[in-house]
Amino acid sequence: MHKTHTARLLSLAVLSLAAASAAPAKFEVVSSAENANVMTVESETAVENFTGRTNKISGTLTFDPVARTGSGTVIIDGASIDTGIAARNGHMRSPAWLNFDKVPQVKFTATRVTRLSGDQYRVTGNLTLNGVTRPVTADATVRYTPAGDSTKAAGLKGNVLAVSTKFNVKLSDFGVKNGQITSGRVNDELAISVRFIASDG
């Protein structure tokens, strides 16, 4: 009886540990990792090409490294996007364009995360830009690194997620209408690239 009871307790303990290890952990985007946190936006037309860039990325994620599922919200400070020309930056922040002076946040909230294979995932969620929210689906690479020498050497605490994704945004879907779009100087469809580091430490 004693051996049977002990075996049952050990089994319960193992199951409890397994359940605990499968629980989603909360990750925060590491704001100090500016070299690793980058968002770029690209417009390409026959008349003019430009790239905007910012390191101002924040957000909170949950991720279960065993079940390979997750969720979360990522926020870009749109007002900090730099295209390399001060006048163009000002135009972009104005009500005639992306209205970042009034509504600076570009926010993506994941509603569904599906693992495809390896570190590749398909993420579906809602993107809010210029005060308008639209559904967006994008493929993402999510690499999970347990806390160890490599994460410590990088100056990161706890377990680490490295996330990267690319997708296109159609400005007219978000209420952005401008003569430079209709004339072909700026593309109505912009290519967005985002990568960032998050940790649970």
N, C-alpha and C. Protein backbone atom coordinates (compact mmCIF):
# COMPACT_ATOMS: atom_id res chain seq x y z
N MET A 1 0.84 -1.20 0.00
CA MET A 1 0.00 0.00 0.00
C MET A 1 0.87 1.25 0.00
N HIS A 2 1.92 1.19 0.82
CA HIS A 2 2.79 2.37 0.93
C HIS A 2 3.50 2.64 -0.40
N LYS A 3 4.00 1.56 -1.05
CA LYS A 3 4.69 1.72 -2.33
C LYS A 3 3.73 2.23 -3.40
N THR A 4 2.50 1.70 -3.38
CA THR A 4 1.51 2.13 -4.38
C THR A 4 1.17 3.60 -4.19
N HIS A 5 0.99 3.99 -2.93
CA HIS A 5 0.65 5.39 -2.62
C HIS A 5 1.79 6.33 -3.04
N THR A 6 3.02 5.90 -2.76
CA THR A 6 4.19 6.72 -3.14
C THR A 6 4.28 6.86 -4.65
N ALA A 7 4.03 5.76 -5.37
CA ALA A 7 4.08 5.79 -6.83
C ALA A 7 3.04 6.74 -7.39
N ARG A 8 1.85 6.73 -6.78
CA ARG A 8 0.80 7.64 -7.24
C ARG A 8 1.18 9.09 -7.00
N LEU A 9 1.77 9.37 -5.84
CA LEU A 9 2.20 10.72 -5.55
C LEU A 9 3.28 11.19 -6.54
N LEU A 10 4.22 10.28 -6.85
CA LEU A 10 5.25 10.63 -7.81
C LEU A 10 4.66 10.90 -9.20
N SER A 11 3.68 10.10 -9.57
CA SER A 11 3.03 10.30 -10.87
C SER A 11 2.32 11.64 -10.92
N LEU A 12 1.63 11.98 -9.83
CA LEU A 12 0.94 13.26 -9.77
C LEU A 12 1.93 14.42 -9.83
N ALA A 13 3.07 14.25 -9.16
CA ALA A 13 4.08 15.30 -9.17
C ALA A 13 4.64 15.52 -10.56
N VAL A 14 4.89 14.41 -11.29
CA VAL A 14 5.40 14.51 -12.65
C VAL A 14 4.40 15.19 -13.56
N LEU A 15 3.12 14.80 -13.41
CA LEU A 15 2.06 15.42 -14.22
C LEU A 15 1.94 16.90 -13.91
N SER A 16 2.07 17.25 -12.64
CA SER A 16 1.97 18.66 -12.25
C SER A 16 3.12 19.47 -12.85
N LEU A 17 4.32 18.89 -12.81
CA LEU A 17 5.47 19.57 -13.40
C LEU A 17 5.32 19.74 -14.90
N ALA A 18 4.78 18.73 -15.56
CA ALA A 18 4.58 18.81 -17.00
C ALA A 18 3.56 19.88 -17.35
N ALA A 19 2.49 19.93 -16.54
CA ALA A 19 1.46 20.95 -16.78
C ALA A 19 2.02 22.35 -16.56
N ALA A 20 2.86 22.47 -15.52
CA ALA A 20 3.43 23.79 -15.22
C ALA A 20 4.36 24.23 -16.34
N SER A 21 5.15 23.28 -16.89
CA SER A 21 6.09 23.65 -17.95
C SER A 21 5.38 24.04 -19.22
N ALA A 22 4.11 23.57 -19.38
CA ALA A 22 3.36 23.87 -20.59
C ALA A 22 2.56 25.15 -20.47
N ALA A 23 2.60 25.76 -19.29
CA ALA A 23 1.80 26.98 -19.10
C ALA A 23 2.41 28.13 -19.88
N PRO A 24 1.56 28.96 -20.51
CA PRO A 24 2.09 30.11 -21.24
C PRO A 24 2.81 31.08 -20.31
N ALA A 25 3.92 31.64 -20.77
CA ALA A 25 4.66 32.64 -20.00
C ALA A 25 4.42 34.01 -20.62
N LYS A 26 4.52 35.04 -19.79
CA LYS A 26 4.32 36.41 -20.25
C LYS A 26 5.67 37.01 -20.64
N PHE A 27 5.74 37.54 -21.84
CA PHE A 27 6.96 38.15 -22.37
C PHE A 27 6.71 39.63 -22.65
N GLU A 28 7.70 40.45 -22.31
CA GLU A 28 7.64 41.88 -22.61
C GLU A 28 8.69 42.21 -23.67
N VAL A 29 8.31 43.02 -24.65
CA VAL A 29 9.30 43.48 -25.62
C VAL A 29 10.38 44.24 -24.87
N VAL A 30 11.65 43.90 -25.12
CA VAL A 30 12.77 44.51 -24.42
C VAL A 30 13.05 45.87 -25.05
N SER A 31 12.60 46.93 -24.39
CA SER A 31 12.70 48.27 -24.98
C SER A 31 14.14 48.74 -25.15
N SER A 32 15.06 48.18 -24.33
CA SER A 32 16.46 48.60 -24.41
C SER A 32 17.19 47.95 -25.59
N ALA A 33 16.57 46.93 -26.21
CA ALA A 33 17.23 46.21 -27.31
C ALA A 33 16.95 46.90 -28.64
N GLU A 34 17.34 48.19 -28.74
CA GLU A 34 16.98 48.97 -29.92
C GLU A 34 17.62 48.45 -31.20
N ASN A 35 18.79 47.82 -31.10
CA ASN A 35 19.42 47.28 -32.29
C ASN A 35 18.65 46.08 -32.83
N ALA A 36 17.96 45.37 -31.93
CA ALA A 36 17.21 44.17 -32.33
C ALA A 36 15.76 44.49 -32.66
N ASN A 37 15.24 45.60 -32.14
CA ASN A 37 13.84 45.97 -32.38
C ASN A 37 13.77 46.98 -33.52
N VAL A 38 13.28 46.54 -34.65
CA VAL A 38 13.25 47.41 -35.84
C VAL A 38 11.96 47.20 -36.61
N MET A 39 11.32 48.30 -36.99
CA MET A 39 10.21 48.27 -37.92
C MET A 39 10.56 49.12 -39.12
N THR A 40 10.37 48.57 -40.32
CA THR A 40 10.59 49.35 -41.53
C THR A 40 9.31 49.35 -42.36
N VAL A 41 9.11 50.45 -43.07
CA VAL A 41 7.98 50.57 -44.00
C VAL A 41 8.54 51.04 -45.32
N GLU A 42 8.15 50.39 -46.41
CA GLU A 42 8.71 50.70 -47.72
C GLU A 42 7.61 51.03 -48.72
N SER A 43 7.87 52.09 -49.49
CA SER A 43 7.00 52.46 -50.61
C SER A 43 7.84 52.45 -51.87
N GLU A 44 7.38 51.72 -52.88
CA GLU A 44 8.10 51.65 -54.15
C GLU A 44 7.14 52.01 -55.29
N THR A 45 7.51 53.00 -56.07
CA THR A 45 6.73 53.37 -57.26
C THR A 45 7.71 53.65 -58.40
N ALA A 46 7.17 53.91 -59.58
CA ALA A 46 8.03 54.24 -60.72
C ALA A 46 8.63 55.63 -60.57
N VAL A 47 8.07 56.44 -59.65
CA VAL A 47 8.50 57.83 -59.49
C VAL A 47 9.44 58.01 -58.31
N GLU A 48 9.13 57.35 -57.18
CA GLU A 48 9.89 57.59 -55.95
C GLU A 48 9.83 56.37 -55.04
N ASN A 49 10.97 56.03 -54.46
CA ASN A 49 11.05 54.96 -53.46
C ASN A 49 11.56 55.54 -52.15
N PHE A 50 11.01 55.06 -51.03
CA PHE A 50 11.56 55.47 -49.74
C PHE A 50 11.32 54.39 -48.70
N THR A 51 12.13 54.43 -47.64
CA THR A 51 12.02 53.51 -46.52
C THR A 51 11.96 54.30 -45.22
N GLY A 52 10.97 54.00 -44.39
CA GLY A 52 10.88 54.59 -43.06
C GLY A 52 11.29 53.56 -42.02
N ARG A 53 11.81 54.03 -40.90
CA ARG A 53 12.37 53.10 -39.90
C ARG A 53 12.18 53.66 -38.50
N THR A 54 11.90 52.75 -37.55
CA THR A 54 11.87 53.12 -36.14
C THR A 54 12.29 51.93 -35.28
N ASN A 55 12.85 52.23 -34.11
CA ASN A 55 13.18 51.21 -33.12
C ASN A 55 12.21 51.22 -31.94
N LYS A 56 11.22 52.10 -32.00
CA LYS A 56 10.28 52.28 -30.88
C LYS A 56 9.16 51.24 -30.96
N ILE A 57 9.45 50.06 -30.40
CA ILE A 57 8.49 48.95 -30.39
C ILE A 57 8.27 48.52 -28.95
N SER A 58 7.01 48.31 -28.58
CA SER A 58 6.67 47.83 -27.24
C SER A 58 5.57 46.78 -27.36
N GLY A 59 5.27 46.13 -26.24
CA GLY A 59 4.18 45.16 -26.27
C GLY A 59 4.35 44.04 -25.27
N THR A 60 3.31 43.26 -25.15
CA THR A 60 3.26 42.12 -24.23
C THR A 60 2.76 40.90 -25.00
N LEU A 61 3.47 39.78 -24.83
CA LEU A 61 3.10 38.53 -25.50
C LEU A 61 2.95 37.43 -24.47
N THR A 62 2.19 36.41 -24.82
CA THR A 62 2.23 35.15 -24.08
C THR A 62 2.68 34.07 -25.07
N PHE A 63 3.49 33.14 -24.57
CA PHE A 63 3.97 32.06 -25.44
C PHE A 63 4.17 30.81 -24.62
N ASP A 64 3.69 29.69 -25.16
CA ASP A 64 3.87 28.38 -24.54
C ASP A 64 4.86 27.60 -25.40
N PRO A 65 6.11 27.42 -24.94
CA PRO A 65 7.12 26.74 -25.76
C PRO A 65 6.86 25.25 -25.95
N VAL A 66 5.97 24.67 -25.13
CA VAL A 66 5.64 23.26 -25.29
C VAL A 66 4.49 23.08 -26.28
N ALA A 67 3.40 23.80 -26.06
CA ALA A 67 2.24 23.71 -26.95
C ALA A 67 2.45 24.50 -28.24
N ARG A 68 3.46 25.39 -28.25
CA ARG A 68 3.75 26.24 -29.41
C ARG A 68 2.54 27.10 -29.80
N THR A 69 1.96 27.73 -28.81
CA THR A 69 0.85 28.65 -29.04
C THR A 69 1.17 29.99 -28.38
N GLY A 70 0.47 31.03 -28.79
CA GLY A 70 0.73 32.33 -28.19
C GLY A 70 -0.33 33.34 -28.55
N SER A 71 -0.15 34.54 -28.03
CA SER A 71 -1.04 35.66 -28.30
C SER A 71 -0.30 36.93 -27.88
N GLY A 72 -0.95 38.07 -28.04
CA GLY A 72 -0.31 39.29 -27.55
C GLY A 72 -0.60 40.51 -28.40
N THR A 73 -0.04 41.62 -27.96
CA THR A 73 -0.20 42.91 -28.63
C THR A 73 1.15 43.57 -28.79
N VAL A 74 1.41 44.08 -29.99
CA VAL A 74 2.65 44.79 -30.29
C VAL A 74 2.29 46.20 -30.76
N ILE A 75 3.01 47.20 -30.25
CA ILE A 75 2.71 48.60 -30.56
C ILE A 75 3.94 49.27 -31.16
N ILE A 76 3.75 49.95 -32.27
CA ILE A 76 4.80 50.74 -32.91
C ILE A 76 4.49 52.22 -32.67
N ASP A 77 5.50 53.00 -32.33
CA ASP A 77 5.34 54.44 -32.21
C ASP A 77 5.49 55.04 -33.60
N GLY A 78 4.34 55.24 -34.28
CA GLY A 78 4.36 55.72 -35.65
C GLY A 78 4.99 57.10 -35.78
N ALA A 79 4.83 57.93 -34.75
CA ALA A 79 5.37 59.30 -34.81
C ALA A 79 6.89 59.32 -34.85
N SER A 80 7.54 58.21 -34.49
CA SER A 80 9.00 58.15 -34.47
C SER A 80 9.58 57.60 -35.76
N ILE A 81 8.75 57.24 -36.72
CA ILE A 81 9.26 56.70 -37.99
C ILE A 81 10.03 57.77 -38.75
N ASP A 82 11.25 57.43 -39.15
CA ASP A 82 12.13 58.37 -39.85
C ASP A 82 12.36 57.88 -41.28
N THR A 83 12.02 58.72 -42.25
CA THR A 83 12.22 58.36 -43.66
C THR A 83 13.50 58.95 -44.24
N GLY A 84 14.24 59.68 -43.41
CA GLY A 84 15.48 60.28 -43.86
C GLY A 84 15.33 61.72 -44.34
N ILE A 85 14.09 62.18 -44.46
CA ILE A 85 13.83 63.56 -44.87
C ILE A 85 12.84 64.16 -43.88
N ALA A 86 13.26 65.22 -43.18
CA ALA A 86 12.44 65.79 -42.12
C ALA A 86 11.09 66.27 -42.63
N ALA A 87 11.07 66.90 -43.80
CA ALA A 87 9.80 67.40 -44.35
C ALA A 87 8.84 66.25 -44.64
N ARG A 88 9.37 65.15 -45.17
CA ARG A 88 8.51 63.99 -45.45
C ARG A 88 8.01 63.37 -44.16
N ASN A 89 8.85 63.34 -43.12
CA ASN A 89 8.40 62.84 -41.82
C ASN A 89 7.21 63.65 -41.31
N GLY A 90 7.31 64.97 -41.44
CA GLY A 90 6.24 65.84 -41.00
C GLY A 90 4.97 65.62 -41.78
N HIS A 91 5.09 65.47 -43.10
CA HIS A 91 3.91 65.18 -43.92
C HIS A 91 3.25 63.87 -43.49
N MET A 92 4.06 62.84 -43.22
CA MET A 92 3.54 61.54 -42.84
C MET A 92 2.75 61.60 -41.53
N ARG A 93 3.19 62.47 -40.62
CA ARG A 93 2.52 62.57 -39.32
C ARG A 93 1.25 63.42 -39.38
N SER A 94 1.04 64.13 -40.49
CA SER A 94 -0.08 65.07 -40.59
C SER A 94 -1.40 64.37 -40.87
N PRO A 95 -2.54 65.08 -40.67
CA PRO A 95 -3.86 64.49 -40.95
C PRO A 95 -4.04 64.10 -42.41
N ALA A 96 -3.28 64.71 -43.32
CA ALA A 96 -3.41 64.39 -44.74
C ALA A 96 -2.82 63.02 -45.07
N TRP A 97 -2.02 62.47 -44.14
CA TRP A 97 -1.41 61.17 -44.36
C TRP A 97 -1.80 60.21 -43.23
N LEU A 98 -0.85 59.86 -42.40
CA LEU A 98 -1.10 58.81 -41.40
C LEU A 98 -1.54 59.35 -40.05
N ASN A 99 -1.56 60.67 -39.89
CA ASN A 99 -2.15 61.30 -38.70
C ASN A 99 -1.46 60.88 -37.41
N PHE A 100 -0.15 60.64 -37.46
CA PHE A 100 0.57 60.16 -36.29
C PHE A 100 0.68 61.21 -35.18
N ASP A 101 0.60 62.49 -35.55
CA ASP A 101 0.65 63.52 -34.50
C ASP A 101 -0.56 63.39 -33.57
N LYS A 102 -1.69 62.95 -34.10
CA LYS A 102 -2.90 62.81 -33.30
C LYS A 102 -3.07 61.38 -32.78
N VAL A 103 -2.78 60.39 -33.63
CA VAL A 103 -2.94 58.98 -33.26
C VAL A 103 -1.62 58.27 -33.56
N PRO A 104 -0.65 58.35 -32.66
CA PRO A 104 0.70 57.85 -32.97
C PRO A 104 0.83 56.33 -32.95
N GLN A 105 -0.05 55.62 -32.27
CA GLN A 105 0.12 54.19 -32.13
C GLN A 105 -0.30 53.42 -33.38
N VAL A 106 0.55 52.49 -33.78
CA VAL A 106 0.18 51.45 -34.74
C VAL A 106 0.16 50.16 -33.93
N LYS A 107 -1.01 49.58 -33.78
CA LYS A 107 -1.16 48.46 -32.84
C LYS A 107 -1.64 47.20 -33.56
N PHE A 108 -0.97 46.09 -33.25
CA PHE A 108 -1.42 44.79 -33.77
C PHE A 108 -1.71 43.87 -32.59
N THR A 109 -2.92 43.30 -32.57
CA THR A 109 -3.31 42.36 -31.53
C THR A 109 -3.60 41.01 -32.17
N ALA A 110 -2.85 40.01 -31.78
CA ALA A 110 -3.02 38.67 -32.35
C ALA A 110 -4.25 37.99 -31.75
N THR A 111 -5.10 37.46 -32.60
CA THR A 111 -6.28 36.72 -32.15
C THR A 111 -6.15 35.22 -32.36
N ARG A 112 -5.24 34.83 -33.25
CA ARG A 112 -5.03 33.40 -33.50
C ARG A 112 -3.60 33.18 -33.97
N VAL A 113 -2.93 32.20 -33.38
CA VAL A 113 -1.55 31.86 -33.75
C VAL A 113 -1.51 30.36 -34.05
N THR A 114 -1.11 30.02 -35.28
CA THR A 114 -1.07 28.63 -35.72
C THR A 114 0.36 28.27 -36.14
N ARG A 115 0.89 27.22 -35.54
CA ARG A 115 2.23 26.79 -35.93
C ARG A 115 2.16 26.07 -37.26
N LEU A 116 3.04 26.45 -38.21
CA LEU A 116 3.11 25.80 -39.51
C LEU A 116 4.11 24.65 -39.47
N SER A 117 5.36 24.97 -39.12
CA SER A 117 6.41 23.96 -38.94
C SER A 117 7.62 24.64 -38.34
N GLY A 118 8.38 23.90 -37.54
CA GLY A 118 9.58 24.48 -36.92
C GLY A 118 9.26 25.75 -36.17
N ASP A 119 9.95 26.83 -36.53
CA ASP A 119 9.73 28.14 -35.89
C ASP A 119 8.80 29.03 -36.70
N GLN A 120 8.11 28.45 -37.68
CA GLN A 120 7.24 29.24 -38.56
C GLN A 120 5.78 29.17 -38.08
N TYR A 121 5.16 30.35 -38.03
CA TYR A 121 3.78 30.46 -37.54
C TYR A 121 2.96 31.33 -38.49
N ARG A 122 1.66 31.12 -38.46
CA ARG A 122 0.73 32.02 -39.14
C ARG A 122 -0.06 32.75 -38.06
N VAL A 123 -0.02 34.08 -38.14
CA VAL A 123 -0.64 34.91 -37.10
C VAL A 123 -1.77 35.71 -37.72
N THR A 124 -2.93 35.61 -37.11
CA THR A 124 -4.10 36.38 -37.53
C THR A 124 -4.46 37.33 -36.40
N GLY A 125 -4.78 38.57 -36.75
CA GLY A 125 -5.14 39.53 -35.72
C GLY A 125 -5.72 40.80 -36.29
N ASN A 126 -5.77 41.83 -35.47
CA ASN A 126 -6.34 43.11 -35.85
C ASN A 126 -5.26 44.19 -35.80
N LEU A 127 -5.13 44.91 -36.91
CA LEU A 127 -4.18 46.01 -37.01
C LEU A 127 -4.94 47.33 -36.94
N THR A 128 -4.50 48.21 -36.02
CA THR A 128 -5.12 49.53 -35.89
C THR A 128 -4.13 50.58 -36.35
N LEU A 129 -4.55 51.37 -37.35
CA LEU A 129 -3.72 52.42 -37.94
C LEU A 129 -4.63 53.59 -38.31
N ASN A 130 -4.22 54.79 -37.96
CA ASN A 130 -5.01 55.97 -38.27
C ASN A 130 -6.41 55.88 -37.66
N GLY A 131 -6.52 55.19 -36.51
CA GLY A 131 -7.80 55.06 -35.83
C GLY A 131 -8.74 54.05 -36.45
N VAL A 132 -8.26 53.31 -37.46
CA VAL A 132 -9.08 52.30 -38.16
C VAL A 132 -8.50 50.92 -37.87
N THR A 133 -9.37 49.96 -37.58
CA THR A 133 -8.93 48.60 -37.27
C THR A 133 -9.38 47.64 -38.38
N ARG A 134 -8.43 46.87 -38.89
CA ARG A 134 -8.71 45.90 -39.95
C ARG A 134 -8.03 44.57 -39.62
N PRO A 135 -8.60 43.45 -40.09
CA PRO A 135 -7.95 42.16 -39.88
C PRO A 135 -6.72 42.00 -40.77
N VAL A 136 -5.69 41.37 -40.23
CA VAL A 136 -4.45 41.13 -40.96
C VAL A 136 -3.97 39.72 -40.63
N THR A 137 -3.49 39.01 -41.65
CA THR A 137 -2.87 37.70 -41.45
C THR A 137 -1.46 37.75 -42.02
N ALA A 138 -0.50 37.27 -41.24
CA ALA A 138 0.90 37.30 -41.68
C ALA A 138 1.64 36.07 -41.17
N ASP A 139 2.65 35.66 -41.91
CA ASP A 139 3.53 34.60 -41.44
C ASP A 139 4.65 35.21 -40.61
N ALA A 140 5.04 34.51 -39.55
CA ALA A 140 6.06 35.02 -38.64
C ALA A 140 7.02 33.91 -38.25
N THR A 141 8.25 34.32 -37.95
CA THR A 141 9.24 33.41 -37.37
C THR A 141 9.35 33.75 -35.89
N VAL A 142 9.17 32.74 -35.04
CA VAL A 142 9.25 32.93 -33.59
C VAL A 142 10.26 31.93 -33.04
N ARG A 143 11.39 32.44 -32.57
CA ARG A 143 12.44 31.57 -32.03
C ARG A 143 12.50 31.73 -30.51
N TYR A 144 12.38 30.61 -29.82
CA TYR A 144 12.40 30.59 -28.35
C TYR A 144 13.76 30.10 -27.87
N THR A 145 14.40 30.88 -26.99
CA THR A 145 15.70 30.50 -26.43
C THR A 145 15.59 30.50 -24.91
N PRO A 146 15.74 29.34 -24.26
CA PRO A 146 15.70 29.30 -22.79
C PRO A 146 16.85 30.12 -22.20
N ALA A 147 16.63 30.65 -21.01
CA ALA A 147 17.66 31.43 -20.32
C ALA A 147 18.95 30.60 -20.19
N GLY A 148 20.06 31.22 -20.50
CA GLY A 148 21.34 30.51 -20.44
C GLY A 148 22.48 31.46 -20.74
N ASP A 149 23.63 30.91 -21.04
CA ASP A 149 24.82 31.73 -21.28
C ASP A 149 24.63 32.68 -22.46
N SER A 150 23.97 32.19 -23.53
CA SER A 150 23.82 33.03 -24.73
C SER A 150 22.91 34.22 -24.46
N THR A 151 21.83 34.01 -23.69
CA THR A 151 20.93 35.12 -23.39
C THR A 151 21.58 36.11 -22.42
N LYS A 152 22.34 35.58 -21.46
CA LYS A 152 23.04 36.46 -20.52
C LYS A 152 24.10 37.29 -21.23
N ALA A 153 24.80 36.65 -22.18
CA ALA A 153 25.84 37.36 -22.94
C ALA A 153 25.24 38.51 -23.75
N ALA A 154 23.97 38.35 -24.13
CA ALA A 154 23.28 39.40 -24.89
C ALA A 154 22.67 40.46 -23.98
N GLY A 155 22.85 40.27 -22.67
CA GLY A 155 22.31 41.24 -21.71
C GLY A 155 20.82 41.10 -21.48
N LEU A 156 20.29 39.90 -21.72
CA LEU A 156 18.85 39.65 -21.58
C LEU A 156 18.57 38.78 -20.38
N LYS A 157 17.47 39.06 -19.70
CA LYS A 157 17.08 38.29 -18.53
C LYS A 157 15.97 37.31 -18.90
N GLY A 158 16.03 36.12 -18.30
CA GLY A 158 14.97 35.14 -18.51
C GLY A 158 15.01 34.49 -19.88
N ASN A 159 13.92 33.80 -20.21
CA ASN A 159 13.78 33.17 -21.52
C ASN A 159 13.49 34.26 -22.56
N VAL A 160 13.85 33.97 -23.81
CA VAL A 160 13.81 35.01 -24.84
C VAL A 160 13.05 34.54 -26.07
N LEU A 161 12.26 35.44 -26.63
CA LEU A 161 11.61 35.23 -27.92
C LEU A 161 12.19 36.22 -28.92
N ALA A 162 12.55 35.72 -30.09
CA ALA A 162 12.95 36.58 -31.20
C ALA A 162 11.88 36.43 -32.28
N VAL A 163 11.20 37.51 -32.60
CA VAL A 163 10.05 37.48 -33.51
C VAL A 163 10.34 38.34 -34.72
N SER A 164 10.01 37.84 -35.90
CA SER A 164 10.12 38.64 -37.12
C SER A 164 8.96 38.31 -38.06
N THR A 165 8.47 39.33 -38.76
CA THR A 165 7.35 39.12 -39.68
C THR A 165 7.37 40.18 -40.77
N LYS A 166 6.72 39.88 -41.90
CA LYS A 166 6.56 40.83 -43.00
C LYS A 166 5.13 40.71 -43.51
N PHE A 167 4.55 41.85 -43.85
CA PHE A 167 3.21 41.86 -44.43
C PHE A 167 2.99 43.19 -45.14
N ASN A 168 1.95 43.27 -45.94
CA ASN A 168 1.62 44.49 -46.67
C ASN A 168 0.40 45.16 -46.07
N VAL A 169 0.39 46.48 -46.12
CA VAL A 169 -0.73 47.27 -45.63
C VAL A 169 -1.20 48.19 -46.74
N LYS A 170 -2.51 48.17 -47.01
CA LYS A 170 -3.09 49.04 -48.02
C LYS A 170 -3.62 50.29 -47.32
N LEU A 171 -3.02 51.44 -47.62
CA LEU A 171 -3.36 52.68 -46.92
C LEU A 171 -4.84 53.04 -47.05
N SER A 172 -5.42 52.83 -48.22
CA SER A 172 -6.82 53.18 -48.42
C SER A 172 -7.75 52.37 -47.53
N ASP A 173 -7.31 51.18 -47.11
CA ASP A 173 -8.12 50.37 -46.19
C ASP A 173 -8.19 51.01 -44.81
N PHE A 174 -7.25 51.91 -44.52
CA PHE A 174 -7.17 52.55 -43.21
C PHE A 174 -7.52 54.05 -43.29
N GLY A 175 -8.29 54.39 -44.29
CA GLY A 175 -8.80 55.76 -44.40
C GLY A 175 -7.79 56.77 -44.85
N VAL A 176 -6.66 56.34 -45.43
CA VAL A 176 -5.64 57.27 -45.90
C VAL A 176 -5.85 57.52 -47.39
N LYS A 177 -6.16 58.75 -47.72
CA LYS A 177 -6.37 59.14 -49.13
C LYS A 177 -5.59 60.42 -49.38
N ASN A 178 -4.78 60.40 -50.41
CA ASN A 178 -3.93 61.55 -50.69
C ASN A 178 -3.66 61.62 -52.19
N GLY A 179 -3.55 62.83 -52.72
CA GLY A 179 -3.31 62.99 -54.15
C GLY A 179 -2.03 62.36 -54.63
N GLN A 180 -1.02 62.26 -53.75
CA GLN A 180 0.25 61.66 -54.15
C GLN A 180 0.12 60.15 -54.33
N ILE A 181 -0.90 59.56 -53.70
CA ILE A 181 -1.17 58.13 -53.91
C ILE A 181 -1.84 57.94 -55.27
N THR A 182 -2.87 58.73 -55.54
CA THR A 182 -3.59 58.59 -56.80
C THR A 182 -2.72 58.97 -58.00
N SER A 183 -1.74 59.87 -57.79
CA SER A 183 -0.84 60.25 -58.89
C SER A 183 0.29 59.25 -59.10
N GLY A 184 0.44 58.30 -58.15
CA GLY A 184 1.46 57.26 -58.30
C GLY A 184 2.80 57.59 -57.68
N ARG A 185 2.88 58.71 -56.95
CA ARG A 185 4.15 59.06 -56.33
C ARG A 185 4.41 58.20 -55.09
N VAL A 186 3.34 57.88 -54.35
CA VAL A 186 3.44 57.00 -53.18
C VAL A 186 2.54 55.80 -53.43
N ASN A 187 3.03 54.62 -53.10
CA ASN A 187 2.26 53.40 -53.31
C ASN A 187 1.16 53.29 -52.27
N ASP A 188 -0.05 52.92 -52.70
CA ASP A 188 -1.14 52.70 -51.76
C ASP A 188 -0.86 51.49 -50.86
N GLU A 189 -0.04 50.57 -51.35
CA GLU A 189 0.29 49.36 -50.58
C GLU A 189 1.73 49.44 -50.10
N LEU A 190 1.90 49.47 -48.80
CA LEU A 190 3.23 49.56 -48.19
C LEU A 190 3.68 48.21 -47.66
N ALA A 191 4.97 47.92 -47.78
CA ALA A 191 5.55 46.69 -47.24
C ALA A 191 6.08 46.97 -45.84
N ILE A 192 5.57 46.22 -44.87
CA ILE A 192 5.95 46.39 -43.47
C ILE A 192 6.81 45.22 -43.02
N SER A 193 7.89 45.50 -42.33
CA SER A 193 8.74 44.48 -41.75
C SER A 193 8.96 44.81 -40.28
N VAL A 194 8.76 43.83 -39.41
CA VAL A 194 8.92 44.05 -37.95
C VAL A 194 9.73 42.91 -37.36
N ARG A 195 10.70 43.27 -36.55
CA ARG A 195 11.40 42.24 -35.77
C ARG A 195 11.72 42.82 -34.38
N PHE A 196 11.64 41.95 -33.38
CA PHE A 196 11.88 42.42 -32.01
C PHE A 196 12.25 41.26 -31.11
N ILE A 197 12.78 41.62 -29.94
CA ILE A 197 13.15 40.67 -28.90
C ILE A 197 12.24 40.89 -27.68
N ALA A 198 11.77 39.79 -27.10
CA ALA A 198 10.97 39.88 -25.88
C ALA A 198 11.50 38.87 -24.86
N SER A 199 11.37 39.17 -23.58
CA SER A 199 11.84 38.25 -22.54
C SER A 199 10.82 38.16 -21.41
N ASP A 200 10.91 37.07 -20.65
CA ASP A 200 10.02 36.91 -19.49
C ASP A 200 10.77 37.13 -18.18
N GLY A 201 11.96 37.71 -18.29
CA GLY A 201 12.77 37.93 -17.08
C GLY A 201 12.57 39.30 -16.47
